[in-house]
Amino acid sequence: MIIRIIRFHKILYQGNIISIIAPGIQGYFQILKNHAPFISILKNGFLKLESKKDIKKEIKIEGGILQVKKNIIFVIL
């Protein structure tokens, strides 16, 4: 999957991942490859990204929007 995390017209992170865990309004949720189209409001917390070779990254956020469509994830903070 490809992910782009954008804040104020700046790309904070872009790359290939195998999993993302994000803080939704009703709790954390996970997105994996071939997920159905999906949009969610994000609350304060951490985006937890996992890429190949067990590389993990956490990004602290203060809310935003996440969209999944055709294995492309957009996060607008």
C-alpha atoms as a PDB file:
ATOM      1  CA  MET A   1       0.000   0.000   0.000  1.00  0.00           C
ATOM      2  CA  ILE A   2       1.090   3.573  -0.575  1.00  0.00           C
ATOM      3  CA  ILE A   3       0.611   6.200   2.115  1.00  0.00           C
ATOM      4  CA  ARG A   4       0.841   9.996   2.018  1.00  0.00           C
ATOM      5  CA  ILE A   5       0.615  12.004   5.224  1.00  0.00           C
ATOM      6  CA  ILE A   6       0.061  15.706   4.536  1.00  0.00           C
ATOM      7  CA  ARG A   7       0.066  18.716   6.866  1.00  0.00           C
ATOM      8  CA  PHE A   8      -0.241  22.334   5.682  1.00  0.00           C
ATOM      9  CA  HIS A   9       0.647  21.618   2.050  1.00  0.00           C
ATOM     10  CA  LYS A  10       3.736  19.662   3.143  1.00  0.00           C
ATOM     11  CA  ILE A  11       4.204  15.909   2.812  1.00  0.00           C
ATOM     12  CA  LEU A  12       5.302  14.627   6.235  1.00  0.00           C
ATOM     13  CA  TYR A  13       5.679  11.022   5.122  1.00  0.00           C
ATOM     14  CA  GLN A  14       5.261   9.099   1.888  1.00  0.00           C
ATOM     15  CA  GLY A  15       6.097   5.490   1.174  1.00  0.00           C
ATOM     16  CA  ASN A  16       5.038   1.865   0.979  1.00  0.00           C
ATOM     17  CA  ILE A  17       3.599   0.198   4.063  1.00  0.00           C
ATOM     18  CA  ILE A  18       1.981  -3.117   4.924  1.00  0.00           C
ATOM     19  CA  SER A  19      -0.107  -1.860   7.865  1.00  0.00           C
ATOM     20  CA  ILE A  20      -1.324   1.303   9.584  1.00  0.00           C
ATOM     21  CA  ILE A  21      -2.990   1.627  12.968  1.00  0.00           C
ATOM     22  CA  ALA A  22      -4.784   4.963  13.467  1.00  0.00           C
ATOM     23  CA  PRO A  23      -6.790   6.652  16.278  1.00  0.00           C
ATOM     24  CA  GLY A  24     -10.409   6.900  15.144  1.00  0.00           C
ATOM     25  CA  ILE A  25     -13.191   8.637  17.043  1.00  0.00           C
ATOM     26  CA  GLN A  26     -14.345   5.332  18.584  1.00  0.00           C
ATOM     27  CA  GLY A  27     -10.877   3.850  19.084  1.00  0.00           C
ATOM     28  CA  TYR A  28      -7.859   2.638  17.168  1.00  0.00           C
ATOM     29  CA  PHE A  29      -8.355   0.720  13.899  1.00  0.00           C
ATOM     30  CA  GLN A  30      -6.035  -1.070  11.485  1.00  0.00           C
ATOM     31  CA  ILE A  31      -5.829  -0.903   7.684  1.00  0.00           C
ATOM     32  CA  LEU A  32      -4.232  -3.740   5.701  1.00  0.00           C
ATOM     33  CA  LYS A  33      -3.756  -4.390   1.976  1.00  0.00           C
ATOM     34  CA  ASN A  34      -6.966  -4.575  -0.130  1.00  0.00           C
ATOM     35  CA  HIS A  35      -9.083  -2.816   2.513  1.00  0.00           C
ATOM     36  CA  ALA A  36     -12.500  -1.617   1.324  1.00  0.00           C
ATOM     37  CA  PRO A  37     -12.832   2.106   0.510  1.00  0.00           C
ATOM     38  CA  PHE A  38     -13.004   3.927   3.829  1.00  0.00           C
ATOM     39  CA  ILE A  39     -12.970   7.439   5.337  1.00  0.00           C
ATOM     40  CA  SER A  40     -12.507   8.255   9.021  1.00  0.00           C
ATOM     41  CA  ILE A  41     -12.045  11.266  11.260  1.00  0.00           C
ATOM     42  CA  LEU A  42      -8.928  10.910  13.410  1.00  0.00           C
ATOM     43  CA  LYS A  43      -8.500  12.077  16.989  1.00  0.00           C
ATOM     44  CA  ASN A  44      -5.356  12.827  19.017  1.00  0.00           C
ATOM     45  CA  GLY A  45      -2.951   9.914  19.245  1.00  0.00           C
ATOM     46  CA  PHE A  46      -0.343   8.094  17.176  1.00  0.00           C
ATOM     47  CA  LEU A  47      -0.277   6.783  13.620  1.00  0.00           C
ATOM     48  CA  LYS A  48       1.584   3.479  13.770  1.00  0.00           C
ATOM     49  CA  LEU A  49       3.072   2.501  10.413  1.00  0.00           C
ATOM     50  CA  GLU A  50       4.694  -0.836   9.590  1.00  0.00           C
ATOM     51  CA  SER A  51       6.678  -1.366   6.422  1.00  0.00           C
ATOM     52  CA  LYS A  52       8.496  -4.396   5.063  1.00  0.00           C
ATOM     53  CA  LYS A  53      11.427  -5.798   7.036  1.00  0.00           C
ATOM     54  CA  ASP A  54       9.594  -5.048  10.341  1.00  0.00           C
ATOM     55  CA  ILE A  55      10.392  -1.325  10.198  1.00  0.00           C
ATOM     56  CA  LYS A  56       7.928   0.510  12.439  1.00  0.00           C
ATOM     57  CA  LYS A  57       7.305   4.241  12.717  1.00  0.00           C
ATOM     58  CA  GLU A  58       5.043   6.261  15.027  1.00  0.00           C
ATOM     59  CA  ILE A  59       3.810   9.758  14.201  1.00  0.00           C
ATOM     60  CA  LYS A  60       2.055  11.817  16.856  1.00  0.00           C
ATOM     61  CA  ILE A  61      -1.061  13.563  15.534  1.00  0.00           C
ATOM     62  CA  GLU A  62      -3.679  15.963  16.842  1.00  0.00           C
ATOM     63  CA  GLY A  63      -6.612  14.906  14.706  1.00  0.00           C
ATOM     64  CA  GLY A  64      -7.208  14.719  10.978  1.00  0.00           C
ATOM     65  CA  ILE A  65      -8.872  12.719   8.225  1.00  0.00           C
ATOM     66  CA  LEU A  66      -7.874   9.350   6.750  1.00  0.00           C
ATOM     67  CA  GLN A  67      -9.046   7.992   3.393  1.00  0.00           C
ATOM     68  CA  VAL A  68      -8.388   4.555   1.879  1.00  0.00           C
ATOM     69  CA  LYS A  69      -9.035   3.839  -1.794  1.00  0.00           C
ATOM     70  CA  LYS A  70      -7.454   1.185  -4.042  1.00  0.00           C
ATOM     71  CA  ASN A  71      -4.528   0.510  -1.655  1.00  0.00           C
ATOM     72  CA  ILE A  72      -3.686   4.216  -1.412  1.00  0.00           C
ATOM     73  CA  ILE A  73      -4.017   5.900   1.977  1.00  0.00           C
ATOM     74  CA  PHE A  74      -4.215   9.684   2.364  1.00  0.00           C
ATOM     75  CA  VAL A  75      -3.947  11.249   5.802  1.00  0.00           C
ATOM     76  CA  ILE A  76      -4.612  14.985   6.086  1.00  0.00           C
ATOM     77  CA  LEU A  77      -3.636  16.541   9.396  1.00  0.00           C
END
